């Protein structure tokens, strides 16, 4: 019976002891929100950069295809058999202005020239004879005219005019025959290159027959679209503007190659299909190896372009990768993350120019963050020089405050005693 009674009172005593122990543990280890002393150190470390306004050179990206500034069909203005062609008259061949590319059979034209020359000689003879008759008529009239004024018929003026007209007509016939003879030589109209050859030696061609397709080689043109939001950032070559924006071209067709060009003009209308404005750039002497020390450009070659735009003063420039979803960034304020909405004026794959949302001396977070809420405590790591100097100044101020705080604690303890 006594054992039963002892067990009856022993169980509540054990329960009471356990409850008291739990209460003591909770009291001695309060939640972190109620503990005194230092706050917990965050386990999120971020790298930041202090924003410093700077002058920034805008470069607008574009693309285009190489086109000749002049491309035309080389045609004949005479007919006949092709007797010879120039050594440069072949696809890809270069030629100079004034060079004879094709020679036609000119024997018929030489005969026409001789006929016209003979007619001109006869007309000159007739004119001289008629001029002699006019002079003789004037002499006869002075002798027999009794002081009266002679008429045009008496002085043979109509006959003289007819002889002069005959001579002019024969002169024109000779000029025409000489021109036809000259056209049997097809001469290059400019410095250029053969794109496509259509005829060869021995072929008989007629007037206006196409011999080849040629293009000029002094410079090429590249038509470049510009995004509407970038138009204000480029000095467009409109009428009255003398500044020419440089353009750096690049191609990886045969390795990585570069060419330097410049904007030449702005097109007069917005493109209907893309609703963008196009500018035309040019590259001088694009086919010379001596000028560029690399493989010459090819017609139809695709090029990427960087157009030198305006220089922005006191611009806020940040890395493009620090912008999330194209609309916001993270900054650090008072040891916590702060999500900040930004408006981007311009950006490329590396840099972004901020129009609004950030200010000078803001600490921009460079570390890529996942799902982190605004207000999360963070530890700053990898600060650049301006941030380190500021942190050092803050640390010195904190050290200066510690002795004053210790003195206050000592005085408080003495007062309690």
Protein backbone atom coordinates (compact mmCIF):
# COMPACT_ATOMS: atom_id res chain seq x y z
CA UNK A 1 0.00 0.00 0.00
CA UNK A 2 2.80 2.37 0.80
CA UNK A 3 4.48 1.61 -2.54
CA UNK A 4 1.29 2.50 -4.34
CA UNK A 5 1.01 5.80 -2.53
CA UNK A 6 4.64 6.62 -3.25
CA UNK A 7 4.15 5.99 -6.94
CA UNK A 8 1.00 8.13 -6.91
CA UNK A 9 2.88 11.18 -5.65
CA UNK A 10 6.09 10.51 -7.55
CA UNK A 11 4.61 10.99 -11.07
CA UNK A 12 3.30 14.56 -10.48
CA UNK A 13 6.57 15.50 -8.90
CA UNK A 14 8.47 14.37 -11.99
CA UNK A 15 6.11 16.30 -14.25
CA UNK A 16 6.53 19.43 -12.15
CA UNK A 17 10.31 19.08 -12.29
CA UNK A 18 10.31 18.74 -16.09
CA UNK A 19 8.07 21.82 -16.49
CA UNK A 20 10.32 23.86 -14.20
CA UNK A 21 13.39 22.78 -16.19
CA UNK A 22 11.79 23.76 -19.51
CA UNK A 23 10.81 27.17 -18.10
CA UNK A 24 14.37 27.75 -16.89
CA UNK A 25 15.79 26.82 -20.34
CA UNK A 26 13.38 29.17 -22.12
CA UNK A 27 14.08 31.98 -19.66
CA UNK A 28 17.84 31.58 -20.01
CA UNK A 29 17.62 31.43 -23.85
CA UNK A 30 15.08 34.01 -25.01
CA UNK A 31 14.25 34.45 -28.77
CA UNK A 32 16.65 36.44 -30.82
CA UNK A 33 14.11 39.26 -31.15
CA UNK A 34 14.14 39.73 -27.33
CA UNK A 35 17.85 39.24 -26.71
CA UNK A 36 20.06 42.18 -26.00
CA UNK A 37 23.49 42.85 -27.42
CA UNK A 38 24.57 42.77 -31.08
CA UNK A 39 22.27 41.87 -33.94
CA UNK A 40 22.97 38.63 -35.85
CA UNK A 41 25.34 38.87 -38.76
CA UNK A 42 23.68 38.29 -42.17
CA UNK A 43 24.79 35.29 -44.19
CA UNK A 44 24.16 37.14 -47.52
CA UNK A 45 27.32 38.81 -48.84
CA UNK A 46 27.08 41.13 -51.85
CA UNK A 47 29.54 43.10 -53.92
CA UNK A 48 28.63 46.74 -54.48
CA UNK A 49 29.85 49.65 -56.56
CA UNK A 50 29.47 53.26 -55.64
CA UNK A 51 27.75 55.17 -58.45
CA UNK A 52 29.86 58.06 -59.72
CA UNK A 53 28.54 60.17 -62.66
CA UNK A 54 30.85 60.23 -65.67
CA UNK A 55 31.13 61.35 -69.26
CA UNK A 56 30.09 58.49 -71.50
CA UNK A 57 30.49 57.95 -75.25
CA UNK A 58 27.40 56.39 -76.79
CA UNK A 59 27.88 53.74 -79.48
CA UNK A 60 24.74 52.73 -81.35
CA UNK A 61 24.78 49.20 -82.79
CA UNK A 62 23.41 48.42 -86.24
CA UNK A 63 23.97 46.12 -89.20
CA UNK A 64 23.84 46.18 -92.99
CA UNK A 65 24.96 44.69 -96.29
CA UNK A 66 27.75 46.05 -98.48
CA UNK A 67 26.44 47.64 -101.68
CA UNK A 68 28.35 49.48 -104.42
CA UNK A 69 27.74 53.21 -104.59
CA UNK A 70 27.20 52.80 -108.37
CA UNK A 71 26.25 49.63 -110.23
CA UNK A 72 25.31 49.62 -113.90
CA UNK A 73 25.16 47.54 -117.07
CA UNK A 74 27.91 48.02 -119.63
CA UNK A 75 26.16 48.14 -123.04
CA UNK A 76 27.20 48.86 -126.60
CA UNK A 77 26.16 51.93 -128.59
CA UNK A 78 27.35 50.33 -131.82
CA UNK A 79 27.00 46.96 -133.51
CA UNK A 80 29.59 44.56 -134.85
CA UNK A 81 31.78 41.63 -134.04
CA UNK A 82 33.94 41.69 -130.89
CA UNK A 83 37.55 41.65 -132.05
CA UNK A 84 39.31 41.86 -128.67
CA UNK A 85 38.72 42.36 -124.96
CA UNK A 86 40.87 43.72 -122.15
CA UNK A 87 42.76 41.36 -119.87
CA UNK A 88 40.73 42.89 -117.01
CA UNK A 89 37.43 42.13 -118.74
CA UNK A 90 36.58 39.11 -116.61
CA UNK A 91 34.45 38.47 -113.55
CA UNK A 92 36.17 40.01 -110.53
CA UNK A 93 38.60 41.99 -112.68
CA UNK A 94 39.46 45.56 -111.75
CA UNK A 95 39.65 48.31 -114.38
CA UNK A 96 40.47 52.02 -114.52
CA UNK A 97 38.41 54.88 -115.86
CA UNK A 98 39.02 55.35 -119.62
CA UNK A 99 40.36 51.84 -120.16
CA UNK A 100 39.18 50.11 -123.39
CA UNK A 101 37.38 46.99 -122.24
CA UNK A 102 35.92 45.75 -125.53
CA UNK A 103 36.92 46.50 -129.17
CA UNK A 104 34.37 45.97 -131.97
CA UNK A 105 35.06 45.57 -135.66
CA UNK A 106 35.30 49.19 -136.89
CA UNK A 107 35.90 48.80 -140.64
CA UNK A 108 32.36 49.77 -141.63
CA UNK A 109 32.55 52.81 -139.40
CA UNK A 110 35.90 53.86 -140.88
CA UNK A 111 34.30 53.76 -144.33
CA UNK A 112 31.44 55.95 -143.12
CA UNK A 113 33.97 58.42 -141.76
CA UNK A 114 35.75 58.63 -145.13
CA UNK A 115 32.45 59.17 -146.95
CA UNK A 116 31.53 61.96 -144.56
CA UNK A 117 34.97 63.53 -144.97
CA UNK A 118 34.56 63.54 -148.77
CA UNK A 119 31.15 65.15 -148.50
CA UNK A 120 32.54 67.81 -146.21
CA UNK A 121 35.34 68.62 -148.67
CA UNK A 122 32.83 69.02 -151.47
CA UNK A 123 30.66 71.26 -149.30
CA UNK A 124 33.64 73.43 -148.42
CA UNK A 125 34.51 73.76 -152.11
CA UNK A 126 30.95 74.78 -152.98
CA UNK A 127 30.96 77.33 -150.16
CA UNK A 128 34.22 78.86 -151.39
CA UNK A 129 32.90 79.09 -154.95
CA UNK A 130 29.69 80.71 -153.80
CA UNK A 131 31.61 83.18 -151.63
CA UNK A 132 33.61 84.17 -154.72
CA UNK A 133 30.39 84.76 -156.68
CA UNK A 134 29.07 86.96 -153.87
CA UNK A 135 32.23 89.06 -153.89
CA UNK A 136 32.05 89.44 -157.68
CA UNK A 137 28.38 90.42 -157.54
CA UNK A 138 29.19 93.18 -155.06
CA UNK A 139 31.95 94.51 -157.32
CA UNK A 140 29.61 94.48 -160.36
CA UNK A 141 26.87 96.27 -158.43
CA UNK A 142 29.18 99.01 -157.28
CA UNK A 143 30.16 99.56 -160.90
CA UNK A 144 26.65 99.45 -162.41
CA UNK A 145 24.26 100.18 -159.58
CA UNK A 146 24.35 104.00 -159.83
CA UNK A 147 24.74 104.35 -156.07
CA UNK A 148 21.66 102.31 -155.13
CA UNK A 149 21.63 99.72 -152.34
CA UNK A 150 21.87 96.14 -153.64
CA UNK A 151 19.26 93.55 -152.72
CA UNK A 152 20.05 90.15 -151.15
CA UNK A 153 19.28 88.42 -154.42
CA UNK A 154 21.70 90.68 -156.28
CA UNK A 155 24.45 89.80 -153.80
CA UNK A 156 23.54 86.07 -153.89
CA UNK A 157 22.90 85.86 -150.15
CA UNK A 158 20.40 82.96 -150.40
CA UNK A 159 22.86 80.93 -152.47
CA UNK A 160 25.63 81.67 -149.95
CA UNK A 161 23.40 80.56 -147.03
CA UNK A 162 22.58 77.32 -148.82
CA UNK A 163 26.26 76.60 -149.37
CA UNK A 164 26.98 77.27 -145.70
CA UNK A 165 24.13 74.96 -144.66
CA UNK A 166 25.46 72.21 -146.90
CA UNK A 167 28.88 72.51 -145.31
CA UNK A 168 27.39 72.39 -141.78
CA UNK A 169 25.34 69.34 -142.67
CA UNK A 170 28.36 67.51 -144.00
CA UNK A 171 30.34 68.53 -140.92
CA UNK A 172 27.61 67.04 -138.74
CA UNK A 173 27.65 63.84 -140.81
CA UNK A 174 31.38 63.58 -140.25
CA UNK A 175 31.01 64.18 -136.48
CA UNK A 176 28.34 61.50 -136.33
CA UNK A 177 30.50 59.02 -138.23
CA UNK A 178 33.46 59.77 -135.94
CA UNK A 179 31.26 59.28 -132.87
CA UNK A 180 30.04 55.92 -134.19
CA UNK A 181 33.63 54.92 -134.83
CA UNK A 182 34.59 55.95 -131.30
CA UNK A 183 31.78 53.84 -129.88
CA UNK A 184 33.30 50.70 -131.32
CA UNK A 185 35.65 50.99 -128.34
CA UNK A 186 33.73 50.33 -125.11
CA UNK A 187 35.51 52.43 -122.51
CA UNK A 188 35.22 52.11 -118.72
CA UNK A 189 33.15 55.05 -117.35
CA UNK A 190 34.77 54.92 -113.88
CA UNK A 191 37.25 53.00 -111.77
CA UNK A 192 35.46 49.75 -111.12
CA UNK A 193 35.19 46.00 -111.14
CA UNK A 194 33.44 43.39 -113.27
CA UNK A 195 30.60 41.75 -111.41
CA UNK A 196 29.26 39.62 -114.27
CA UNK A 197 30.57 39.12 -117.81
CA UNK A 198 28.09 38.41 -120.64
CA UNK A 199 30.12 38.29 -123.91
CA UNK A 200 33.49 37.21 -125.27
CA UNK A 201 35.69 37.52 -128.35
CA UNK A 202 34.03 36.62 -131.68
CA UNK A 203 30.48 37.33 -130.68
CA UNK A 204 28.45 39.68 -132.87
CA UNK A 205 26.52 42.23 -130.80
CA UNK A 206 23.91 44.80 -131.70
CA UNK A 207 23.29 48.28 -130.37
CA UNK A 208 22.29 48.33 -126.65
CA UNK A 209 23.48 44.77 -126.10
CA UNK A 210 24.58 44.11 -122.50
CA UNK A 211 28.26 43.24 -122.23
CA UNK A 212 28.76 43.09 -118.45
CA UNK A 213 27.57 44.28 -115.06
CA UNK A 214 30.06 46.62 -113.41
CA UNK A 215 30.30 48.65 -110.21
CA UNK A 216 32.45 51.49 -108.90
CA UNK A 217 35.24 50.74 -106.43
CA UNK A 218 36.10 54.15 -104.99
CA UNK A 219 33.81 53.51 -102.01
CA UNK A 220 30.93 51.28 -100.96
CA UNK A 221 27.76 52.07 -99.05
CA UNK A 222 26.06 50.28 -96.17
CA UNK A 223 22.43 51.02 -95.32
CA UNK A 224 22.02 50.97 -91.53
CA UNK A 225 18.76 50.99 -89.53
CA UNK A 226 18.64 52.98 -86.28
CA UNK A 227 16.15 52.25 -83.51
CA UNK A 228 13.77 55.12 -82.94
CA UNK A 229 14.81 55.42 -79.28
CA UNK A 230 18.46 55.89 -80.36
CA UNK A 231 17.87 58.67 -82.91
CA UNK A 232 18.39 61.42 -80.33
CA UNK A 233 21.74 59.90 -79.36
CA UNK A 234 23.35 60.18 -82.83
CA UNK A 235 24.41 63.26 -84.81
CA UNK A 236 22.50 62.49 -88.00
CA UNK A 237 24.07 63.83 -91.22
CA UNK A 238 21.21 66.09 -92.24
CA UNK A 239 21.46 69.12 -94.50
CA UNK A 240 23.52 71.90 -92.94
CA UNK A 241 25.42 69.61 -90.55
CA UNK A 242 29.12 69.25 -91.21
CA UNK A 243 29.95 66.78 -88.43
CA UNK A 244 30.42 63.23 -89.68
CA UNK A 245 29.92 60.41 -87.20
CA UNK A 246 32.59 57.66 -87.45
CA UNK A 247 31.39 54.09 -87.86
CA UNK A 248 33.37 50.97 -86.92
CA UNK A 249 32.46 47.95 -89.06
CA UNK A 250 33.22 44.32 -88.24
CA UNK A 251 32.85 40.99 -90.05
CA UNK A 252 33.77 37.42 -89.21
CA UNK A 253 33.47 36.11 -92.78
CA UNK A 254 37.24 35.57 -93.07
CA UNK A 255 38.38 35.76 -89.48
CA UNK A 256 37.54 38.90 -87.54
CA UNK A 257 38.12 41.98 -89.70
CA UNK A 258 37.48 45.68 -89.10
CA UNK A 259 36.88 48.66 -91.36
CA UNK A 260 36.56 52.34 -90.53
CA UNK A 261 33.82 54.34 -92.22
CA UNK A 262 31.58 57.34 -91.63
CA UNK A 263 27.96 58.34 -91.99
CA UNK A 264 27.28 59.97 -95.35
CA UNK A 265 23.59 60.85 -95.39
CA UNK A 266 20.18 60.18 -93.89
CA UNK A 267 17.39 58.74 -95.99
CA UNK A 268 14.49 61.04 -96.65
CA UNK A 269 11.69 58.79 -95.39
CA UNK A 270 10.91 56.21 -92.73
CA UNK A 271 11.13 52.64 -94.03
CA UNK A 272 7.60 51.29 -94.55
CA UNK A 273 8.32 47.72 -93.48
CA UNK A 274 10.36 48.35 -90.33
CA UNK A 275 9.11 51.85 -89.44
CA UNK A 276 12.71 52.84 -88.74
CA UNK A 277 14.95 55.55 -90.12
CA UNK A 278 17.91 54.38 -92.19
CA UNK A 279 21.25 56.13 -92.51
CA UNK A 280 23.82 55.42 -95.21
CA UNK A 281 27.48 54.96 -94.27
CA UNK A 282 30.40 54.64 -96.64
CA UNK A 283 33.81 52.96 -96.56
CA UNK A 284 36.47 54.54 -98.77
CA UNK A 285 38.76 52.40 -100.93
CA UNK A 286 37.26 49.14 -99.61
CA UNK A 287 38.90 46.80 -102.12
CA UNK A 288 42.52 47.80 -101.59
CA UNK A 289 44.68 45.43 -99.58
CA UNK A 290 47.28 48.18 -99.15
CA UNK A 291 44.78 50.47 -97.43
CA UNK A 292 43.35 47.99 -94.93
CA UNK A 293 46.04 45.25 -94.74
CA UNK A 294 43.35 42.57 -94.91
CA UNK A 295 41.09 40.78 -97.36
CA UNK A 296 39.02 43.25 -99.42
CA UNK A 297 35.31 43.66 -98.85
CA UNK A 298 32.83 41.73 -100.95
CA UNK A 299 29.62 43.04 -102.42
CA UNK A 300 26.73 41.58 -100.42
CA UNK A 301 28.89 40.95 -97.34
CA UNK A 302 27.09 41.29 -94.00
CA UNK A 303 28.64 43.75 -91.54
CA UNK A 304 27.89 44.77 -87.97
CA UNK A 305 28.35 48.45 -87.21
CA UNK A 306 29.01 50.61 -84.15
CA UNK A 307 28.00 54.19 -84.83
CA UNK A 308 29.73 56.76 -82.63
CA UNK A 309 26.98 58.74 -80.95
CA UNK A 310 26.91 61.73 -78.64
CA UNK A 311 28.94 62.13 -75.45
CA UNK A 312 26.69 62.24 -72.38
CA UNK A 313 27.94 64.36 -69.50
CA UNK A 314 27.44 63.34 -65.85
CA UNK A 315 25.78 60.12 -66.93
CA UNK A 316 24.95 57.32 -64.50
CA UNK A 317 26.36 54.17 -66.11
CA UNK A 318 25.91 50.73 -64.56
CA UNK A 319 26.55 47.16 -65.78
CA UNK A 320 23.65 45.80 -67.80
CA UNK A 321 23.78 42.51 -65.87
CA UNK A 322 22.85 44.35 -62.64
CA UNK A 323 19.39 45.18 -64.02
CA UNK A 324 16.63 42.66 -63.29
CA UNK A 325 13.83 42.13 -65.79
CA UNK A 326 14.89 45.36 -67.44
CA UNK A 327 13.20 47.49 -64.80
CA UNK A 328 14.82 47.39 -61.35
CA UNK A 329 18.13 47.07 -59.49
CA UNK A 330 19.23 46.47 -55.89
CA UNK A 331 21.08 49.01 -53.79
CA UNK A 332 22.37 48.76 -50.22
CA UNK A 333 21.15 51.26 -47.66
CA UNK A 334 21.88 50.95 -43.95
CA UNK A 335 23.02 47.36 -44.40
CA UNK A 336 19.83 46.24 -46.13
CA UNK A 337 18.83 45.51 -49.70
CA UNK A 338 16.54 48.03 -51.32
CA UNK A 339 14.82 47.28 -54.60
CA UNK A 340 14.82 50.37 -56.82
CA UNK A 341 12.89 50.89 -60.05
CA UNK A 342 14.99 52.44 -62.84
CA UNK A 343 14.39 53.87 -66.29
CA UNK A 344 17.00 52.98 -68.92
CA UNK A 345 17.99 55.65 -71.45
CA UNK A 346 20.29 53.39 -73.49
CA UNK A 347 22.04 50.07 -73.08
CA UNK A 348 24.14 47.47 -74.83
CA UNK A 349 25.35 44.06 -73.73
CA UNK A 350 27.79 45.57 -71.21
CA UNK A 351 26.69 49.04 -70.07
CA UNK A 352 23.38 50.75 -69.34
CA UNK A 353 22.80 54.49 -69.03
CA UNK A 354 20.16 55.22 -66.41
CA UNK A 355 17.68 58.03 -67.05
CA UNK A 356 16.07 57.99 -63.60
CA UNK A 357 15.90 55.92 -60.42
CA UNK A 358 19.52 56.11 -59.24
CA UNK A 359 21.59 58.93 -57.79
CA UNK A 360 25.25 59.65 -57.30
CA UNK A 361 26.91 57.79 -54.39
CA UNK A 362 24.26 55.05 -54.29
CA UNK A 363 25.73 51.61 -53.54
CA UNK A 364 24.68 49.44 -56.48
CA UNK A 365 24.63 45.67 -55.92
CA UNK A 366 26.68 43.82 -58.53
CA UNK A 367 26.19 40.30 -57.17
CA UNK A 368 23.55 38.25 -58.97
CA UNK A 369 20.70 37.62 -56.56
CA UNK A 370 17.90 35.10 -56.70
CA UNK A 371 14.60 35.46 -54.88
CA UNK A 372 15.76 37.99 -52.29
CA UNK A 373 13.25 40.34 -50.73
CA UNK A 374 13.79 44.04 -50.35
CA UNK A 375 14.88 44.79 -46.78
CA UNK A 376 17.02 41.68 -46.36
CA UNK A 377 20.13 42.38 -44.23
CA UNK A 378 23.34 41.92 -46.19
CA UNK A 379 27.07 42.06 -45.65
CA UNK A 380 29.00 44.19 -48.11
CA UNK A 381 32.04 42.52 -49.68
CA UNK A 382 34.38 43.52 -52.48
CA UNK A 383 33.82 47.26 -52.28
CA UNK A 384 35.67 49.46 -54.71
CA UNK A 385 38.01 52.22 -53.49
CA UNK A 386 35.41 54.92 -52.80
CA UNK A 387 33.35 52.46 -50.75
CA UNK A 388 36.39 51.24 -48.78
CA UNK A 389 37.34 54.77 -47.84
CA UNK A 390 33.82 55.49 -46.69
CA UNK A 391 33.69 52.26 -44.67
CA UNK A 392 37.02 53.12 -43.04
CA UNK A 393 35.70 56.51 -42.03
CA UNK A 394 32.60 54.86 -40.55
CA UNK A 395 34.78 52.37 -38.62
CA UNK A 396 36.92 55.14 -37.15
CA UNK A 397 33.82 56.96 -35.97
CA UNK A 398 32.52 53.76 -34.33
CA UNK A 399 35.81 53.25 -32.48
CA UNK A 400 35.67 56.81 -31.21
CA UNK A 401 32.18 56.15 -29.79
CA UNK A 402 33.11 53.00 -27.84
CA UNK A 403 35.03 54.68 -24.90
CA UNK A 404 32.14 57.09 -24.29
CA UNK A 405 29.75 54.15 -24.12
CA UNK A 406 32.02 52.26 -21.65
CA UNK A 407 32.23 55.31 -19.36
CA UNK A 408 28.46 55.52 -19.22
CA UNK A 409 28.17 51.83 -18.26
CA UNK A 410 30.75 52.24 -15.46
CA UNK A 411 28.97 55.25 -13.98
CA UNK A 412 25.67 53.38 -14.07
CA UNK A 413 27.12 50.41 -12.12
CA UNK A 414 28.65 52.71 -9.48
CA UNK A 415 25.32 54.43 -8.99
CA UNK A 416 23.60 51.07 -8.42
CA UNK A 417 26.17 50.06 -5.81
